Amino acid sequence: MANSIFAEGRTTNEAIENGLKQLNAKREDVIINVIGNEEKRSFFSILEPTKIKVELTLKEQVKTKTPNISDEELTEVLAEIKDFTNKFFSLLNIKNLNINLEIKDKRIYINVTGDDMNYLIGYRGETLNYLQLVFSNIANKNIKHKCSVILDIENYREKRKVVLEGLAEKISKTVVRNGKKIELEPMTAYERKVIHTKLQNNSKVKTYSVGEEPNRRVVIDLK
């Protein structure tokens, strides 16, 4: 995740709240820099929609939040999601089916392989993302704390990560060469995070997200 992002809104508070959602942080976790002020508008712009821009930077001591789910809940969820996963994929009569479940950093990772499974991935992972939402809902229906479930089919997410990291490098070089920011196509939260992470230590460019789901996009801009 990027340590610094830009966000917009009709008011300063709305812009800040939009930024906090991107960072999954609280106000006390960030340094806020208001770039635009709704009170200072010219006569000629008074009829135009207000757009306030803020920059939010995570304080050094703030780290990525880890799930609060207990080990007991996690064990219970793992057994339930394992049973559901086996039943779900067995109904599809997939040849050479192999299902692997593991817990890492208090998250459940499910990786499924088999013959002719592209239809379960869909265009740029759309079907896979919908399936992951279903699996996540099943995992969280009877527990107090949220459990994060990451579903992968035929190692699609890892392959997509490699493609996105290559794209991030290529676009960042174009931005530096041309001196103009580039807005990427809409991506899922997972894909946006890959871009942010890949470029977070780049000394020449910065990244931030704009727009609303499901059309949220990453912008790569000069620092």
C-alpha atoms as a PDB file:
ATOM      1  CA  MET A   1       0.000   0.000   0.000  1.00  0.00           C
ATOM      2  CA  ALA A   2       1.198   3.503  -0.802  1.00  0.00           C
ATOM      3  CA  ASN A   3       2.237   5.599   2.205  1.00  0.00           C
ATOM      4  CA  SER A   4       0.812   8.759   0.636  1.00  0.00           C
ATOM      5  CA  ILE A   5      -2.314   9.164  -1.501  1.00  0.00           C
ATOM      6  CA  PHE A   6      -4.475  11.941  -2.935  1.00  0.00           C
ATOM      7  CA  ALA A   7      -8.245  12.042  -2.567  1.00  0.00           C
ATOM      8  CA  GLU A   8     -11.023  14.359  -3.733  1.00  0.00           C
ATOM      9  CA  GLY A   9     -14.457  15.374  -2.503  1.00  0.00           C
ATOM     10  CA  ARG A  10     -17.063  18.128  -2.597  1.00  0.00           C
ATOM     11  CA  THR A  11     -15.875  19.321   0.814  1.00  0.00           C
ATOM     12  CA  THR A  12     -12.639  18.980   2.765  1.00  0.00           C
ATOM     13  CA  ASN A  13     -14.206  16.469   5.161  1.00  0.00           C
ATOM     14  CA  GLU A  14     -15.557  14.361   2.297  1.00  0.00           C
ATOM     15  CA  ALA A  15     -12.152  14.355   0.584  1.00  0.00           C
ATOM     16  CA  ILE A  16     -10.456  13.288   3.835  1.00  0.00           C
ATOM     17  CA  GLU A  17     -12.994  10.517   4.435  1.00  0.00           C
ATOM     18  CA  ASN A  18     -12.485   9.232   0.876  1.00  0.00           C
ATOM     19  CA  GLY A  19      -8.734   9.159   1.499  1.00  0.00           C
ATOM     20  CA  LEU A  20      -9.087   7.376   4.831  1.00  0.00           C
ATOM     21  CA  LYS A  21     -11.144   4.651   3.128  1.00  0.00           C
ATOM     22  CA  GLN A  22      -8.379   4.144   0.578  1.00  0.00           C
ATOM     23  CA  LEU A  23      -5.765   3.768   3.310  1.00  0.00           C
ATOM     24  CA  ASN A  24      -8.034   1.840   5.692  1.00  0.00           C
ATOM     25  CA  ALA A  25      -6.888   4.239   8.401  1.00  0.00           C
ATOM     26  CA  LYS A  26      -8.226   6.675  11.025  1.00  0.00           C
ATOM     27  CA  ARG A  27      -7.643  10.444  11.146  1.00  0.00           C
ATOM     28  CA  GLU A  28      -5.105  10.086  13.926  1.00  0.00           C
ATOM     29  CA  ASP A  29      -3.113   7.700  11.711  1.00  0.00           C
ATOM     30  CA  VAL A  30      -2.403  10.224   8.971  1.00  0.00           C
ATOM     31  CA  ILE A  31      -0.912  13.625   8.211  1.00  0.00           C
ATOM     32  CA  ILE A  32      -3.441  15.717   6.241  1.00  0.00           C
ATOM     33  CA  ASN A  33      -2.458  18.296   3.656  1.00  0.00           C
ATOM     34  CA  VAL A  34      -5.411  20.226   2.176  1.00  0.00           C
ATOM     35  CA  ILE A  35      -4.523  21.251  -1.379  1.00  0.00           C
ATOM     36  CA  GLY A  36      -7.814  22.975  -2.213  1.00  0.00           C
ATOM     37  CA  ASN A  37     -10.123  25.047   0.014  1.00  0.00           C
ATOM     38  CA  GLU A  38     -13.866  25.227  -0.632  1.00  0.00           C
ATOM     39  CA  GLU A  39     -14.042  28.713   0.899  1.00  0.00           C
ATOM     40  CA  LYS A  40     -11.701  30.257  -1.649  1.00  0.00           C
ATOM     41  CA  ARG A  41     -13.514  30.155  -4.973  1.00  0.00           C
ATOM     42  CA  SER A  42     -13.490  32.746  -7.732  1.00  0.00           C
ATOM     43  CA  PHE A  43     -16.591  34.469  -9.061  1.00  0.00           C
ATOM     44  CA  PHE A  44     -16.237  32.670 -12.401  1.00  0.00           C
ATOM     45  CA  SER A  45     -16.033  29.211 -10.808  1.00  0.00           C
ATOM     46  CA  ILE A  46     -18.934  29.608  -8.399  1.00  0.00           C
ATOM     47  CA  LEU A  47     -21.315  27.629 -10.637  1.00  0.00           C
ATOM     48  CA  GLU A  48     -18.865  24.773 -11.146  1.00  0.00           C
ATOM     49  CA  PRO A  49     -18.994  21.662  -8.911  1.00  0.00           C
ATOM     50  CA  THR A  50     -16.719  21.998  -5.894  1.00  0.00           C
ATOM     51  CA  LYS A  51     -13.750  19.647  -5.944  1.00  0.00           C
ATOM     52  CA  ILE A  52     -11.431  19.686  -2.949  1.00  0.00           C
ATOM     53  CA  LYS A  53      -8.175  17.749  -3.092  1.00  0.00           C
ATOM     54  CA  VAL A  54      -6.237  16.509  -0.076  1.00  0.00           C
ATOM     55  CA  GLU A  55      -3.055  14.526   0.438  1.00  0.00           C
ATOM     56  CA  LEU A  56      -3.011  11.930   3.225  1.00  0.00           C
ATOM     57  CA  THR A  57       0.279  10.468   4.428  1.00  0.00           C
ATOM     58  CA  LEU A  58       0.463   7.550   6.852  1.00  0.00           C
ATOM     59  CA  LYS A  59       2.487   8.321   9.962  1.00  0.00           C
ATOM     60  CA  GLU A  60       5.630   6.218  10.328  1.00  0.00           C
ATOM     61  CA  GLN A  61       4.373   4.255  13.295  1.00  0.00           C
ATOM     62  CA  VAL A  62       1.227   3.128  11.501  1.00  0.00           C
ATOM     63  CA  LYS A  63       1.500  -0.381  10.093  1.00  0.00           C
ATOM     64  CA  THR A  64      -0.823  -2.435   7.925  1.00  0.00           C
ATOM     65  CA  LYS A  65      -3.616  -3.749  10.090  1.00  0.00           C
ATOM     66  CA  THR A  66      -3.727  -7.484  10.745  1.00  0.00           C
ATOM     67  CA  PRO A  67      -7.014  -9.356  11.147  1.00  0.00           C
ATOM     68  CA  ASN A  68      -8.472  -9.469  14.677  1.00  0.00           C
ATOM     69  CA  ILE A  69      -9.889 -12.969  14.245  1.00  0.00           C
ATOM     70  CA  SER A  70      -8.859 -15.372  17.012  1.00  0.00           C
ATOM     71  CA  ASP A  71      -7.068 -18.666  16.379  1.00  0.00           C
ATOM     72  CA  GLU A  72     -10.158 -20.535  17.614  1.00  0.00           C
ATOM     73  CA  GLU A  73     -12.427 -18.724  15.145  1.00  0.00           C
ATOM     74  CA  LEU A  74      -9.896 -19.207  12.370  1.00  0.00           C
ATOM     75  CA  THR A  75      -9.735 -22.971  12.961  1.00  0.00           C
ATOM     76  CA  GLU A  76     -13.529 -23.145  12.950  1.00  0.00           C
ATOM     77  CA  VAL A  77     -13.782 -21.125   9.733  1.00  0.00           C
ATOM     78  CA  LEU A  78     -11.092 -23.205   8.032  1.00  0.00           C
ATOM     79  CA  ALA A  79     -13.033 -26.417   8.669  1.00  0.00           C
ATOM     80  CA  GLU A  80     -16.271 -24.891   7.380  1.00  0.00           C
ATOM     81  CA  ILE A  81     -14.763 -23.295   4.271  1.00  0.00           C
ATOM     82  CA  LYS A  82     -12.847 -26.509   3.502  1.00  0.00           C
ATOM     83  CA  ASP A  83     -16.092 -28.485   3.548  1.00  0.00           C
ATOM     84  CA  PHE A  84     -17.838 -25.891   1.351  1.00  0.00           C
ATOM     85  CA  THR A  85     -14.905 -25.745  -1.090  1.00  0.00           C
ATOM     86  CA  ASN A  86     -14.801 -29.512  -1.541  1.00  0.00           C
ATOM     87  CA  LYS A  87     -18.564 -29.738  -2.111  1.00  0.00           C
ATOM     88  CA  PHE A  88     -18.652 -26.753  -4.489  1.00  0.00           C
ATOM     89  CA  PHE A  89     -15.878 -27.909  -6.813  1.00  0.00           C
ATOM     90  CA  SER A  90     -16.882 -31.581  -6.708  1.00  0.00           C
ATOM     91  CA  LEU A  91     -20.248 -30.605  -8.231  1.00  0.00           C
ATOM     92  CA  LEU A  92     -18.424 -29.187 -11.280  1.00  0.00           C
ATOM     93  CA  ASN A  93     -16.896 -32.564 -12.217  1.00  0.00           C
ATOM     94  CA  ILE A  94     -13.458 -31.057 -12.893  1.00  0.00           C
ATOM     95  CA  LYS A  95     -10.822 -33.557 -13.996  1.00  0.00           C
ATOM     96  CA  ASN A  96      -7.520 -33.686 -12.085  1.00  0.00           C
ATOM     97  CA  LEU A  97      -9.000 -31.448  -9.412  1.00  0.00           C
ATOM     98  CA  ASN A  98      -6.637 -30.408  -6.634  1.00  0.00           C
ATOM     99  CA  ILE A  99      -7.594 -28.123  -3.732  1.00  0.00           C
ATOM    100  CA  ASN A 100      -5.087 -26.638  -1.325  1.00  0.00           C
ATOM    101  CA  LEU A 101      -6.067 -24.571   1.738  1.00  0.00           C
ATOM    102  CA  GLU A 102      -3.633 -22.881   4.085  1.00  0.00           C
ATOM    103  CA  ILE A 103      -3.582 -20.196   6.770  1.00  0.00           C
ATOM    104  CA  LYS A 104      -1.020 -17.416   6.440  1.00  0.00           C
ATOM    105  CA  ASP A 105      -0.987 -14.158   8.413  1.00  0.00           C
ATOM    106  CA  LYS A 106      -4.437 -15.051   9.786  1.00  0.00           C
ATOM    107  CA  ARG A 107      -5.883 -15.234   6.284  1.00  0.00           C
ATOM    108  CA  ILE A 108      -7.222 -18.296   4.497  1.00  0.00           C
ATOM    109  CA  TYR A 109      -5.728 -18.964   1.071  1.00  0.00           C
ATOM    110  CA  ILE A 110      -7.475 -21.368  -1.299  1.00  0.00           C
ATOM    111  CA  ASN A 111      -5.731 -22.481  -4.471  1.00  0.00           C
ATOM    112  CA  VAL A 112      -7.583 -24.734  -6.910  1.00  0.00           C
ATOM    113  CA  THR A 113      -6.137 -26.395 -10.010  1.00  0.00           C
ATOM    114  CA  GLY A 114      -7.596 -28.758 -12.588  1.00  0.00           C
ATOM    115  CA  ASP A 115      -8.429 -29.181 -16.266  1.00  0.00           C
ATOM    116  CA  ASP A 116     -10.315 -26.525 -18.268  1.00  0.00           C
ATOM    117  CA  MET A 117     -10.994 -24.063 -15.446  1.00  0.00           C
ATOM    118  CA  ASN A 118     -10.669 -20.789 -17.359  1.00  0.00           C
ATOM    119  CA  TYR A 119     -14.441 -20.272 -17.258  1.00  0.00           C
ATOM    120  CA  LEU A 120     -14.153 -19.966 -13.470  1.00  0.00           C
ATOM    121  CA  ILE A 121     -11.607 -17.165 -13.853  1.00  0.00           C
ATOM    122  CA  GLY A 122     -13.400 -15.061 -16.467  1.00  0.00           C
ATOM    123  CA  TYR A 123     -12.243 -11.926 -18.230  1.00  0.00           C
ATOM    124  CA  ARG A 124      -9.413 -10.418 -16.178  1.00  0.00           C
ATOM    125  CA  GLY A 125     -10.506 -12.425 -13.171  1.00  0.00           C
ATOM    126  CA  GLU A 126     -14.076 -11.084 -12.938  1.00  0.00           C
ATOM    127  CA  THR A 127     -15.685 -14.490 -12.312  1.00  0.00           C
ATOM    128  CA  LEU A 128     -12.921 -15.420  -9.877  1.00  0.00           C
ATOM    129  CA  ASN A 129     -13.527 -12.219  -7.909  1.00  0.00           C
ATOM    130  CA  TYR A 130     -17.269 -12.948  -7.680  1.00  0.00           C
ATOM    131  CA  LEU A 131     -16.503 -16.485  -6.482  1.00  0.00           C
ATOM    132  CA  GLN A 132     -14.116 -15.114  -3.875  1.00  0.00           C
ATOM    133  CA  LEU A 133     -16.906 -12.860  -2.594  1.00  0.00           C
ATOM    134  CA  VAL A 134     -19.169 -15.904  -2.223  1.00  0.00           C
ATOM    135  CA  PHE A 135     -16.482 -17.842  -0.358  1.00  0.00           C
ATOM    136  CA  SER A 136     -15.813 -14.824   1.873  1.00  0.00           C
ATOM    137  CA  ASN A 137     -19.507 -14.514   2.743  1.00  0.00           C
ATOM    138  CA  ILE A 138     -19.642 -18.213   3.645  1.00  0.00           C
ATOM    139  CA  ALA A 139     -16.571 -17.853   5.860  1.00  0.00           C
ATOM    140  CA  ASN A 140     -17.896 -14.808   7.721  1.00  0.00           C
ATOM    141  CA  LYS A 141     -21.534 -15.722   8.286  1.00  0.00           C
ATOM    142  CA  ASN A 142     -21.162 -17.107  11.815  1.00  0.00           C
ATOM    143  CA  ILE A 143     -18.140 -15.331  13.304  1.00  0.00           C
ATOM    144  CA  LYS A 144     -17.617 -12.096  15.221  1.00  0.00           C
ATOM    145  CA  HIS A 145     -14.420 -10.878  13.549  1.00  0.00           C
ATOM    146  CA  LYS A 146     -13.874 -10.653   9.824  1.00  0.00           C
ATOM    147  CA  CYS A 147     -11.938 -13.448   8.168  1.00  0.00           C
ATOM    148  CA  SER A 148     -10.082 -12.673   4.950  1.00  0.00           C
ATOM    149  CA  VAL A 149     -10.383 -15.362   2.259  1.00  0.00           C
ATOM    150  CA  ILE A 150      -8.251 -15.286  -0.894  1.00  0.00           C
ATOM    151  CA  LEU A 151      -9.387 -17.658  -3.638  1.00  0.00           C
ATOM    152  CA  ASP A 152      -7.094 -18.449  -6.563  1.00  0.00           C
ATOM    153  CA  ILE A 153      -7.639 -20.730  -9.549  1.00  0.00           C
ATOM    154  CA  GLU A 154      -4.769 -22.076 -11.650  1.00  0.00           C
ATOM    155  CA  ASN A 155      -2.452 -19.559  -9.926  1.00  0.00           C
ATOM    156  CA  TYR A 156      -4.168 -16.761 -11.857  1.00  0.00           C
ATOM    157  CA  ARG A 157      -3.537 -14.109  -9.205  1.00  0.00           C
ATOM    158  CA  GLU A 158       0.211 -14.731  -9.136  1.00  0.00           C
ATOM    159  CA  LYS A 159       0.369 -14.631 -12.952  1.00  0.00           C
ATOM    160  CA  ARG A 160      -1.717 -11.442 -12.990  1.00  0.00           C
ATOM    161  CA  LYS A 161       0.578  -9.924 -10.352  1.00  0.00           C
ATOM    162  CA  VAL A 162       3.603 -10.429 -12.596  1.00  0.00           C
ATOM    163  CA  VAL A 163       1.765  -8.778 -15.509  1.00  0.00           C
ATOM    164  CA  LEU A 164       0.685  -5.810 -13.364  1.00  0.00           C
ATOM    165  CA  GLU A 165       4.168  -5.281 -11.939  1.00  0.00           C
ATOM    166  CA  GLY A 166       5.548  -5.200 -15.463  1.00  0.00           C
ATOM    167  CA  LEU A 167       2.840  -2.719 -16.453  1.00  0.00           C
ATOM    168  CA  ALA A 168       3.646  -0.512 -13.448  1.00  0.00           C
ATOM    169  CA  GLU A 169       7.319  -0.366 -14.403  1.00  0.00           C
ATOM    170  CA  LYS A 170       6.533   0.408 -18.046  1.00  0.00           C
ATOM    171  CA  ILE A 171       3.994   3.135 -17.280  1.00  0.00           C
ATOM    172  CA  SER A 172       6.204   4.745 -14.625  1.00  0.00           C
ATOM    173  CA  LYS A 173       8.998   5.131 -17.201  1.00  0.00           C
ATOM    174  CA  THR A 174       6.539   6.699 -19.657  1.00  0.00           C
ATOM    175  CA  VAL A 175       5.378   9.163 -16.989  1.00  0.00           C
ATOM    176  CA  VAL A 176       8.972  10.175 -16.208  1.00  0.00           C
ATOM    177  CA  ARG A 177       9.821  10.506 -19.907  1.00  0.00           C
ATOM    178  CA  ASN A 178       6.752  12.561 -20.860  1.00  0.00           C
ATOM    179  CA  GLY A 179       6.264  14.429 -17.586  1.00  0.00           C
ATOM    180  CA  LYS A 180       2.536  13.694 -17.576  1.00  0.00           C
ATOM    181  CA  LYS A 181       0.463  11.533 -15.246  1.00  0.00           C
ATOM    182  CA  ILE A 182      -1.263   8.419 -16.587  1.00  0.00           C
ATOM    183  CA  GLU A 183      -4.547   7.001 -15.331  1.00  0.00           C
ATOM    184  CA  LEU A 184      -4.820   3.225 -15.635  1.00  0.00           C
ATOM    185  CA  GLU A 185      -7.914   1.176 -16.422  1.00  0.00           C
ATOM    186  CA  PRO A 186     -10.327   0.239 -13.605  1.00  0.00           C
ATOM    187  CA  MET A 187      -8.920  -2.446 -11.311  1.00  0.00           C
ATOM    188  CA  THR A 188      -9.955  -4.404  -8.248  1.00  0.00           C
ATOM    189  CA  ALA A 189      -8.598  -3.438  -4.825  1.00  0.00           C
ATOM    190  CA  TYR A 190      -6.147  -6.350  -5.000  1.00  0.00           C
ATOM    191  CA  GLU A 191      -4.799  -5.259  -8.403  1.00  0.00           C
ATOM    192  CA  ARG A 192      -4.504  -1.618  -7.329  1.00  0.00           C
ATOM    193  CA  LYS A 193      -2.517  -2.721  -4.291  1.00  0.00           C
ATOM    194  CA  VAL A 194      -0.079  -4.580  -6.562  1.00  0.00           C
ATOM    195  CA  ILE A 195       0.569  -1.359  -8.518  1.00  0.00           C
ATOM    196  CA  HIS A 196       0.916   0.761  -5.362  1.00  0.00           C
ATOM    197  CA  THR A 197       3.296  -1.734  -3.743  1.00  0.00           C
ATOM    198  CA  LYS A 198       5.447  -2.102  -6.839  1.00  0.00           C
ATOM    199  CA  LEU A 199       6.026   1.660  -7.128  1.00  0.00           C
ATOM    200  CA  GLN A 200       5.973   2.719  -3.462  1.00  0.00           C
ATOM    201  CA  ASN A 201       9.773   3.013  -3.318  1.00  0.00           C
ATOM    202  CA  ASN A 202      10.165   4.611  -6.745  1.00  0.00           C
ATOM    203  CA  SER A 203      12.033   7.903  -6.311  1.00  0.00           C
ATOM    204  CA  LYS A 204      10.480   9.567  -9.367  1.00  0.00           C
ATOM    205  CA  VAL A 205       6.785   8.675  -9.373  1.00  0.00           C
ATOM    206  CA  LYS A 206       3.914   8.336  -6.911  1.00  0.00           C
ATOM    207  CA  THR A 207       0.602   6.495  -7.114  1.00  0.00           C
ATOM    208  CA  TYR A 208      -2.912   7.189  -5.855  1.00  0.00           C
ATOM    209  CA  SER A 209      -6.414   5.982  -6.627  1.00  0.00           C
ATOM    210  CA  VAL A 210      -9.389   7.918  -7.983  1.00  0.00           C
ATOM    211  CA  GLY A 211     -13.034   7.146  -8.732  1.00  0.00           C
ATOM    212  CA  GLU A 212     -15.630   4.912  -7.159  1.00  0.00           C
ATOM    213  CA  GLU A 213     -15.959   1.132  -7.227  1.00  0.00           C
ATOM    214  CA  PRO A 214     -16.150  -0.746  -9.538  1.00  0.00           C
ATOM    215  CA  ASN A 215     -14.480   1.887 -11.740  1.00  0.00           C
ATOM    216  CA  ARG A 216     -11.725   2.856  -9.329  1.00  0.00           C
ATOM    217  CA  ARG A 217      -8.386   3.499 -11.057  1.00  0.00           C
ATOM    218  CA  VAL A 218      -4.727   3.954 -10.168  1.00  0.00           C
ATOM    219  CA  VAL A 219      -2.995   7.164 -11.251  1.00  0.00           C
ATOM    220  CA  ILE A 220       0.779   7.208 -11.740  1.00  0.00           C
ATOM    221  CA  ASP A 221       2.175  10.737 -11.480  1.00  0.00           C
ATOM    222  CA  LEU A 222       5.499  12.510 -11.026  1.00  0.00           C
ATOM    223  CA  LYS A 223       6.611  13.121  -7.445  1.00  0.00           C
END
